[in-house]
Each structure stands twice: as structure tokens, then as C-alpha cells.
Amino acid sequence: MITNEKYKYSDLTGKIIGCAMEVHKILGNGFQEVIYQRALAKEMDLQGIRFSREHEMPIYYKEEHIGTRRVDFLIEDVISVELKAVTKTEDVHLAQAINYLEAYNLEVGLLINFGTKSLEFKRLINSKFNQSNQINQIKS
């Protein structure tokens, strides 16, 4: 388990990253994203982590509902996890994960890439997080 006390939800993000490392250790790189998603779901279930897979959440523009997007994983209603299986993580992948955090009003997220020889991950913090809107958004 990887933890760092300066991060919010560091214990939980550490457990998630540990699960991803286990999946990558067993499967390696080279599979499609959906395979890693299924394996990570199984591993998190084994570790007792509560999650929703492909959780559909509303997207708003100027307080108007304009569509929905499915986050790969919503962990314990507080962390989004976006998976990739690409040979190189690009700025667009990071921007996408940050945009989801902002759109869903979640404070913490992870971007995990299984497509490289060594597992890559980034902890993300939403600087625009609004505590008062969080519960209403998740229950939508």
C-alpha cells in the first residue's frame, strides 16, 4: 500500500494504487483498457473497496444539464479513477481526468495507465472543489 499523509484520502488512494499494481504485475501491459478495468474491479472487490464501475454522472454548463459521462470508477463516492492503456500518457489524458474531477465536483482523483512496462499513476486534486455541492452531484 502506498500512502502519503499530505494527500487527502491517502490511505484509500494507496489501496487503489496497490490494487492497480497487483493487476499490472499479473497481466502486464498490452491489453485493452476494458480488461484492466475488469481486473481492477475484481481486485478492489477482493480488497473490500466500495466502488461503482462506469458510474454515469451529469455534466452541467452554466447550471444547465447538457449530458452525461461515465467515470471508469467512482470509489466510495469521493474518488474518481480514470484508466488508460496507452504506451504514453499525454497531456490530453491528464486534462480529461482533471475535467472529470471538476465536472463531477470530486476533490480527489487518480489517473492510472496500464499500457507501459511499469504502471503509471497520478494523484489529482480538484482546486475548484466545492464541498457544499458534492453530495447533490453524486446522488444525481
N, C-alpha and C. Protein backbone atom coordinates (compact mmCIF):
# COMPACT_ATOMS: atom_id res chain seq x y z
N MET A 1 0.84 -1.18 0.00
CA MET A 1 0.00 0.00 0.00
C MET A 1 0.89 1.24 0.00
N ILE A 2 0.53 2.22 -0.84
CA ILE A 2 1.29 3.45 -0.94
C ILE A 2 0.48 4.55 -0.27
N THR A 3 1.06 5.21 0.73
CA THR A 3 0.37 6.31 1.39
C THR A 3 1.29 7.49 1.55
N ASN A 4 0.70 8.65 1.65
CA ASN A 4 1.42 9.88 1.91
C ASN A 4 0.45 10.77 2.67
N GLU A 5 0.77 11.07 3.90
CA GLU A 5 -0.16 11.77 4.79
C GLU A 5 -0.55 13.16 4.29
N LYS A 6 0.20 13.76 3.37
CA LYS A 6 -0.14 15.10 2.95
C LYS A 6 -1.30 15.12 1.94
N TYR A 7 -1.69 13.96 1.43
CA TYR A 7 -2.79 13.89 0.47
C TYR A 7 -4.09 13.52 1.17
N LYS A 8 -5.17 14.17 0.79
CA LYS A 8 -6.48 13.79 1.30
C LYS A 8 -6.81 12.41 0.75
N TYR A 9 -7.40 11.57 1.57
CA TYR A 9 -7.76 10.19 1.21
C TYR A 9 -6.52 9.37 0.83
N SER A 10 -5.38 9.68 1.43
CA SER A 10 -4.15 8.99 1.04
C SER A 10 -4.21 7.49 1.32
N ASP A 11 -4.87 7.07 2.40
CA ASP A 11 -4.98 5.64 2.66
C ASP A 11 -5.77 4.94 1.56
N LEU A 12 -6.89 5.54 1.17
CA LEU A 12 -7.73 4.94 0.14
C LEU A 12 -7.06 4.97 -1.23
N THR A 13 -6.45 6.09 -1.60
CA THR A 13 -5.75 6.12 -2.89
C THR A 13 -4.59 5.14 -2.89
N GLY A 14 -3.93 4.98 -1.75
CA GLY A 14 -2.85 4.00 -1.65
C GLY A 14 -3.35 2.59 -1.88
N LYS A 15 -4.51 2.26 -1.34
CA LYS A 15 -5.10 0.93 -1.55
C LYS A 15 -5.46 0.71 -3.02
N ILE A 16 -6.02 1.74 -3.65
CA ILE A 16 -6.40 1.64 -5.06
C ILE A 16 -5.15 1.43 -5.92
N ILE A 17 -4.12 2.21 -5.66
CA ILE A 17 -2.86 2.07 -6.41
C ILE A 17 -2.26 0.69 -6.18
N GLY A 18 -2.32 0.21 -4.95
CA GLY A 18 -1.85 -1.15 -4.65
C GLY A 18 -2.60 -2.19 -5.46
N CYS A 19 -3.91 -2.03 -5.59
CA CYS A 19 -4.71 -2.95 -6.40
C CYS A 19 -4.28 -2.88 -7.87
N ALA A 20 -4.06 -1.67 -8.36
CA ALA A 20 -3.62 -1.50 -9.75
C ALA A 20 -2.26 -2.14 -9.97
N MET A 21 -1.36 -2.01 -9.00
CA MET A 21 -0.04 -2.65 -9.11
C MET A 21 -0.16 -4.16 -9.18
N GLU A 22 -1.06 -4.72 -8.39
CA GLU A 22 -1.27 -6.17 -8.41
C GLU A 22 -1.79 -6.61 -9.78
N VAL A 23 -2.74 -5.87 -10.33
CA VAL A 23 -3.28 -6.18 -11.66
C VAL A 23 -2.17 -6.11 -12.70
N HIS A 24 -1.37 -5.04 -12.65
CA HIS A 24 -0.30 -4.87 -13.64
C HIS A 24 0.76 -5.95 -13.49
N LYS A 25 1.04 -6.34 -12.25
CA LYS A 25 2.03 -7.40 -12.01
C LYS A 25 1.58 -8.71 -12.66
N ILE A 26 0.30 -9.01 -12.58
CA ILE A 26 -0.22 -10.27 -13.11
C ILE A 26 -0.44 -10.20 -14.62
N LEU A 27 -1.05 -9.11 -15.11
CA LEU A 27 -1.39 -9.02 -16.53
C LEU A 27 -0.31 -8.39 -17.39
N GLY A 28 0.52 -7.53 -16.80
CA GLY A 28 1.49 -6.80 -17.60
C GLY A 28 0.80 -5.75 -18.45
N ASN A 29 1.50 -5.26 -19.46
CA ASN A 29 0.90 -4.28 -20.37
C ASN A 29 0.49 -4.96 -21.66
N GLY A 30 -0.27 -4.26 -22.50
CA GLY A 30 -0.62 -4.78 -23.82
C GLY A 30 -2.08 -5.14 -24.02
N PHE A 31 -2.88 -5.14 -22.97
CA PHE A 31 -4.30 -5.44 -23.12
C PHE A 31 -5.10 -4.15 -23.34
N GLN A 32 -6.35 -4.32 -23.78
CA GLN A 32 -7.25 -3.18 -23.91
C GLN A 32 -7.67 -2.70 -22.52
N GLU A 33 -8.06 -1.44 -22.47
CA GLU A 33 -8.44 -0.81 -21.20
C GLU A 33 -9.52 -1.60 -20.46
N VAL A 34 -10.49 -2.12 -21.18
CA VAL A 34 -11.61 -2.83 -20.54
C VAL A 34 -11.14 -4.06 -19.75
N ILE A 35 -10.08 -4.71 -20.20
CA ILE A 35 -9.53 -5.87 -19.48
C ILE A 35 -8.98 -5.43 -18.13
N TYR A 36 -8.23 -4.32 -18.13
CA TYR A 36 -7.70 -3.79 -16.87
C TYR A 36 -8.83 -3.31 -15.96
N GLN A 37 -9.86 -2.74 -16.56
CA GLN A 37 -10.99 -2.28 -15.77
C GLN A 37 -11.67 -3.45 -15.05
N ARG A 38 -11.87 -4.54 -15.75
CA ARG A 38 -12.49 -5.72 -15.14
C ARG A 38 -11.59 -6.32 -14.06
N ALA A 39 -10.30 -6.40 -14.34
CA ALA A 39 -9.37 -6.97 -13.36
C ALA A 39 -9.26 -6.07 -12.13
N LEU A 40 -9.22 -4.76 -12.33
CA LEU A 40 -9.13 -3.85 -11.20
C LEU A 40 -10.41 -3.92 -10.35
N ALA A 41 -11.55 -4.05 -11.00
CA ALA A 41 -12.81 -4.21 -10.25
C ALA A 41 -12.75 -5.46 -9.38
N LYS A 42 -12.25 -6.55 -9.93
CA LYS A 42 -12.13 -7.79 -9.17
C LYS A 42 -11.17 -7.62 -7.99
N GLU A 43 -10.04 -6.99 -8.23
CA GLU A 43 -9.04 -6.80 -7.17
C GLU A 43 -9.56 -5.88 -6.07
N MET A 44 -10.22 -4.80 -6.45
CA MET A 44 -10.76 -3.89 -5.43
C MET A 44 -11.86 -4.57 -4.62
N ASP A 45 -12.65 -5.40 -5.29
CA ASP A 45 -13.68 -6.17 -4.58
C ASP A 45 -13.03 -7.10 -3.56
N LEU A 46 -11.96 -7.77 -3.97
CA LEU A 46 -11.23 -8.67 -3.06
C LEU A 46 -10.66 -7.91 -1.86
N GLN A 47 -10.29 -6.66 -2.07
CA GLN A 47 -9.69 -5.84 -1.01
C GLN A 47 -10.73 -5.09 -0.18
N GLY A 48 -12.01 -5.27 -0.50
CA GLY A 48 -13.07 -4.64 0.27
C GLY A 48 -13.26 -3.16 0.01
N ILE A 49 -12.85 -2.70 -1.16
CA ILE A 49 -13.02 -1.30 -1.53
C ILE A 49 -14.38 -1.15 -2.21
N ARG A 50 -15.19 -0.22 -1.71
CA ARG A 50 -16.52 0.01 -2.27
C ARG A 50 -16.40 0.93 -3.48
N PHE A 51 -17.00 0.51 -4.61
CA PHE A 51 -16.87 1.29 -5.84
C PHE A 51 -18.09 1.09 -6.73
N SER A 52 -18.22 1.99 -7.67
CA SER A 52 -19.18 1.87 -8.75
C SER A 52 -18.38 1.92 -10.04
N ARG A 53 -18.61 0.96 -10.92
CA ARG A 53 -17.87 0.90 -12.19
C ARG A 53 -18.71 1.55 -13.28
N GLU A 54 -18.05 2.34 -14.14
CA GLU A 54 -18.70 3.08 -15.22
C GLU A 54 -19.89 3.87 -14.69
N HIS A 55 -19.63 4.60 -13.62
CA HIS A 55 -20.65 5.40 -12.95
C HIS A 55 -21.03 6.60 -13.82
N GLU A 56 -22.29 6.66 -14.22
CA GLU A 56 -22.75 7.76 -15.07
C GLU A 56 -23.07 8.97 -14.21
N MET A 57 -22.51 10.10 -14.61
CA MET A 57 -22.71 11.34 -13.84
C MET A 57 -23.08 12.46 -14.79
N PRO A 58 -23.91 13.40 -14.32
CA PRO A 58 -24.35 14.50 -15.19
C PRO A 58 -23.25 15.54 -15.40
N ILE A 59 -23.29 16.19 -16.55
CA ILE A 59 -22.40 17.30 -16.86
C ILE A 59 -23.28 18.54 -17.03
N TYR A 60 -22.85 19.63 -16.38
CA TYR A 60 -23.61 20.88 -16.43
C TYR A 60 -22.78 21.98 -17.07
N TYR A 61 -23.46 22.86 -17.76
CA TYR A 61 -22.85 24.06 -18.30
C TYR A 61 -23.74 25.23 -17.89
N LYS A 62 -23.19 26.15 -17.12
CA LYS A 62 -23.96 27.29 -16.60
C LYS A 62 -25.28 26.83 -15.99
N GLU A 63 -25.16 25.83 -15.13
CA GLU A 63 -26.27 25.26 -14.37
C GLU A 63 -27.31 24.53 -15.22
N GLU A 64 -27.02 24.29 -16.49
CA GLU A 64 -27.93 23.54 -17.35
C GLU A 64 -27.32 22.17 -17.66
N HIS A 65 -28.13 21.14 -17.49
CA HIS A 65 -27.70 19.77 -17.78
C HIS A 65 -27.50 19.63 -19.29
N ILE A 66 -26.29 19.26 -19.69
CA ILE A 66 -26.00 19.16 -21.13
C ILE A 66 -25.61 17.75 -21.55
N GLY A 67 -25.55 16.84 -20.62
CA GLY A 67 -25.21 15.47 -20.98
C GLY A 67 -24.68 14.70 -19.78
N THR A 68 -24.15 13.53 -20.08
CA THR A 68 -23.59 12.69 -19.04
C THR A 68 -22.25 12.14 -19.50
N ARG A 69 -21.50 11.66 -18.56
CA ARG A 69 -20.22 10.99 -18.83
C ARG A 69 -20.06 9.90 -17.80
N ARG A 70 -19.46 8.82 -18.21
CA ARG A 70 -19.20 7.72 -17.29
C ARG A 70 -17.75 7.73 -16.85
N VAL A 71 -17.56 7.86 -15.56
CA VAL A 71 -16.22 7.76 -14.99
C VAL A 71 -15.92 6.26 -14.85
N ASP A 72 -14.69 5.86 -15.12
CA ASP A 72 -14.34 4.43 -15.04
C ASP A 72 -14.70 3.85 -13.69
N PHE A 73 -14.30 4.52 -12.62
CA PHE A 73 -14.65 4.08 -11.26
C PHE A 73 -14.94 5.30 -10.40
N LEU A 74 -15.99 5.20 -9.60
CA LEU A 74 -16.24 6.14 -8.52
C LEU A 74 -16.03 5.34 -7.24
N ILE A 75 -15.02 5.70 -6.48
CA ILE A 75 -14.62 4.94 -5.30
C ILE A 75 -15.18 5.61 -4.04
N GLU A 76 -15.99 4.86 -3.33
CA GLU A 76 -16.55 5.29 -2.04
C GLU A 76 -17.12 6.70 -2.10
N ASP A 77 -17.67 7.06 -3.26
CA ASP A 77 -18.33 8.36 -3.50
C ASP A 77 -17.42 9.57 -3.37
N VAL A 78 -16.10 9.38 -3.30
CA VAL A 78 -15.21 10.53 -3.09
C VAL A 78 -14.01 10.59 -4.04
N ILE A 79 -13.70 9.51 -4.75
CA ILE A 79 -12.52 9.49 -5.62
C ILE A 79 -12.91 8.98 -7.00
N SER A 80 -12.51 9.71 -8.03
CA SER A 80 -12.70 9.21 -9.39
C SER A 80 -11.41 8.53 -9.84
N VAL A 81 -11.56 7.46 -10.59
CA VAL A 81 -10.40 6.76 -11.15
C VAL A 81 -10.61 6.64 -12.65
N GLU A 82 -9.70 7.20 -13.41
CA GLU A 82 -9.74 7.11 -14.86
C GLU A 82 -8.59 6.21 -15.30
N LEU A 83 -8.92 5.19 -16.07
CA LEU A 83 -7.92 4.23 -16.54
C LEU A 83 -7.53 4.51 -17.98
N LYS A 84 -6.29 4.20 -18.29
CA LYS A 84 -5.78 4.25 -19.66
C LYS A 84 -4.94 3.01 -19.88
N ALA A 85 -4.80 2.63 -21.14
CA ALA A 85 -3.92 1.53 -21.53
C ALA A 85 -3.19 1.99 -22.80
N VAL A 86 -2.36 3.01 -22.62
CA VAL A 86 -1.65 3.63 -23.74
C VAL A 86 -0.15 3.56 -23.50
N THR A 87 0.62 3.60 -24.58
CA THR A 87 2.07 3.50 -24.44
C THR A 87 2.69 4.75 -23.84
N LYS A 88 2.00 5.89 -23.98
CA LYS A 88 2.50 7.14 -23.40
C LYS A 88 1.31 7.98 -22.95
N THR A 89 1.34 8.40 -21.70
CA THR A 89 0.30 9.29 -21.20
C THR A 89 0.55 10.68 -21.75
N GLU A 90 -0.47 11.25 -22.37
CA GLU A 90 -0.37 12.58 -22.98
C GLU A 90 -1.05 13.61 -22.09
N ASP A 91 -0.78 14.88 -22.35
CA ASP A 91 -1.43 15.96 -21.61
C ASP A 91 -2.95 15.88 -21.72
N VAL A 92 -3.45 15.43 -22.86
CA VAL A 92 -4.90 15.34 -23.06
C VAL A 92 -5.53 14.35 -22.07
N HIS A 93 -4.83 13.28 -21.72
CA HIS A 93 -5.35 12.30 -20.75
C HIS A 93 -5.44 12.93 -19.36
N LEU A 94 -4.42 13.68 -19.00
CA LEU A 94 -4.41 14.37 -17.72
C LEU A 94 -5.52 15.43 -17.68
N ALA A 95 -5.65 16.19 -18.75
CA ALA A 95 -6.70 17.21 -18.82
C ALA A 95 -8.08 16.58 -18.71
N GLN A 96 -8.27 15.44 -19.37
CA GLN A 96 -9.56 14.74 -19.31
C GLN A 96 -9.88 14.35 -17.87
N ALA A 97 -8.93 13.77 -17.17
CA ALA A 97 -9.16 13.33 -15.79
C ALA A 97 -9.44 14.52 -14.87
N ILE A 98 -8.73 15.62 -15.07
CA ILE A 98 -8.97 16.83 -14.27
C ILE A 98 -10.34 17.41 -14.58
N ASN A 99 -10.71 17.42 -15.86
CA ASN A 99 -12.04 17.93 -16.24
C ASN A 99 -13.14 17.11 -15.60
N TYR A 100 -12.97 15.81 -15.51
CA TYR A 100 -13.97 14.97 -14.84
C TYR A 100 -14.08 15.33 -13.37
N LEU A 101 -12.95 15.53 -12.71
CA LEU A 101 -12.98 15.94 -11.31
C LEU A 101 -13.79 17.22 -11.13
N GLU A 102 -13.53 18.18 -11.99
CA GLU A 102 -14.23 19.46 -11.89
C GLU A 102 -15.71 19.31 -12.24
N ALA A 103 -16.00 18.59 -13.31
CA ALA A 103 -17.40 18.42 -13.74
C ALA A 103 -18.22 17.66 -12.70
N TYR A 104 -17.61 16.69 -12.05
CA TYR A 104 -18.32 15.87 -11.05
C TYR A 104 -18.20 16.45 -9.65
N ASN A 105 -17.42 17.52 -9.52
CA ASN A 105 -17.16 18.15 -8.22
C ASN A 105 -16.65 17.14 -7.20
N LEU A 106 -15.62 16.41 -7.60
CA LEU A 106 -14.92 15.50 -6.69
C LEU A 106 -13.57 16.12 -6.34
N GLU A 107 -13.14 15.91 -5.13
CA GLU A 107 -11.91 16.55 -4.66
C GLU A 107 -10.65 15.83 -5.10
N VAL A 108 -10.70 14.51 -5.19
CA VAL A 108 -9.50 13.70 -5.45
C VAL A 108 -9.77 12.71 -6.57
N GLY A 109 -8.77 12.51 -7.40
CA GLY A 109 -8.88 11.52 -8.47
C GLY A 109 -7.54 10.84 -8.72
N LEU A 110 -7.63 9.77 -9.48
CA LEU A 110 -6.43 9.06 -9.92
C LEU A 110 -6.51 8.84 -11.42
N LEU A 111 -5.39 9.01 -12.09
CA LEU A 111 -5.23 8.63 -13.49
C LEU A 111 -4.22 7.50 -13.48
N ILE A 112 -4.66 6.32 -13.94
CA ILE A 112 -3.82 5.12 -13.90
C ILE A 112 -3.64 4.61 -15.32
N ASN A 113 -2.38 4.40 -15.72
CA ASN A 113 -2.08 3.89 -17.06
C ASN A 113 -1.42 2.52 -16.96
N PHE A 114 -2.10 1.53 -17.54
CA PHE A 114 -1.60 0.16 -17.56
C PHE A 114 -0.79 -0.15 -18.82
N GLY A 115 -0.69 0.78 -19.76
CA GLY A 115 -0.12 0.50 -21.07
C GLY A 115 1.38 0.53 -21.16
N THR A 116 2.06 0.82 -20.07
CA THR A 116 3.52 0.90 -20.09
C THR A 116 4.12 -0.28 -19.33
N LYS A 117 5.42 -0.48 -19.51
CA LYS A 117 6.09 -1.61 -18.86
C LYS A 117 5.94 -1.54 -17.34
N SER A 118 6.07 -0.35 -16.78
CA SER A 118 5.81 -0.12 -15.35
C SER A 118 4.51 0.67 -15.22
N LEU A 119 3.70 0.32 -14.24
CA LEU A 119 2.44 1.02 -14.02
C LEU A 119 2.70 2.50 -13.78
N GLU A 120 1.91 3.35 -14.41
CA GLU A 120 1.99 4.79 -14.19
C GLU A 120 0.71 5.26 -13.50
N PHE A 121 0.85 6.17 -12.56
CA PHE A 121 -0.33 6.74 -11.92
C PHE A 121 -0.04 8.17 -11.48
N LYS A 122 -1.10 8.96 -11.44
CA LYS A 122 -1.02 10.33 -10.95
C LYS A 122 -2.18 10.57 -10.00
N ARG A 123 -1.88 11.14 -8.84
CA ARG A 123 -2.92 11.60 -7.92
C ARG A 123 -3.31 13.01 -8.37
N LEU A 124 -4.60 13.26 -8.42
CA LEU A 124 -5.10 14.55 -8.90
C LEU A 124 -5.92 15.21 -7.80
N ILE A 125 -5.79 16.52 -7.69
CA ILE A 125 -6.55 17.31 -6.72
C ILE A 125 -7.34 18.36 -7.50
N ASN A 126 -8.63 18.46 -7.19
CA ASN A 126 -9.51 19.44 -7.83
C ASN A 126 -9.43 20.76 -7.07
N SER A 127 -8.76 21.74 -7.64
CA SER A 127 -8.62 23.05 -6.99
C SER A 127 -9.93 23.82 -6.97
N LYS A 128 -10.91 23.38 -7.76
CA LYS A 128 -12.21 24.06 -7.82
C LYS A 128 -13.28 23.32 -7.02
N PHE A 129 -12.87 22.37 -6.20
CA PHE A 129 -13.81 21.56 -5.42
C PHE A 129 -14.69 22.43 -4.54
N ASN A 130 -16.00 22.14 -4.54
CA ASN A 130 -16.98 22.87 -3.73
C ASN A 130 -17.67 21.86 -2.82
N GLN A 131 -17.29 21.85 -1.55
CA GLN A 131 -17.81 20.89 -0.58
C GLN A 131 -19.33 20.88 -0.53
N SER A 132 -19.98 22.04 -0.61
CA SER A 132 -21.43 22.10 -0.45
C SER A 132 -22.18 21.45 -1.61
N ASN A 133 -21.56 21.33 -2.77
CA ASN A 133 -22.23 20.73 -3.93
C ASN A 133 -21.94 19.25 -4.10
N GLN A 134 -21.01 18.69 -3.35
CA GLN A 134 -20.57 17.32 -3.60
C GLN A 134 -21.68 16.30 -3.44
N ILE A 135 -22.41 16.32 -2.37
CA ILE A 135 -23.41 15.29 -2.10
C ILE A 135 -24.52 15.33 -3.13
N ASN A 136 -24.96 16.52 -3.53
CA ASN A 136 -26.03 16.62 -4.52
C ASN A 136 -25.60 16.07 -5.87
N GLN A 137 -24.36 16.29 -6.27
CA GLN A 137 -23.87 15.83 -7.57
C GLN A 137 -23.80 14.31 -7.63
N ILE A 138 -23.29 13.67 -6.59
CA ILE A 138 -23.09 12.23 -6.61
C ILE A 138 -24.42 11.50 -6.61
N LYS A 139 -25.40 12.00 -5.92
CA LYS A 139 -26.69 11.33 -5.83
C LYS A 139 -27.54 11.54 -7.07
N SER A 140 -27.12 12.42 -7.99
CA SER A 140 -27.89 12.68 -9.21
C SER A 140 -27.95 11.47 -10.10
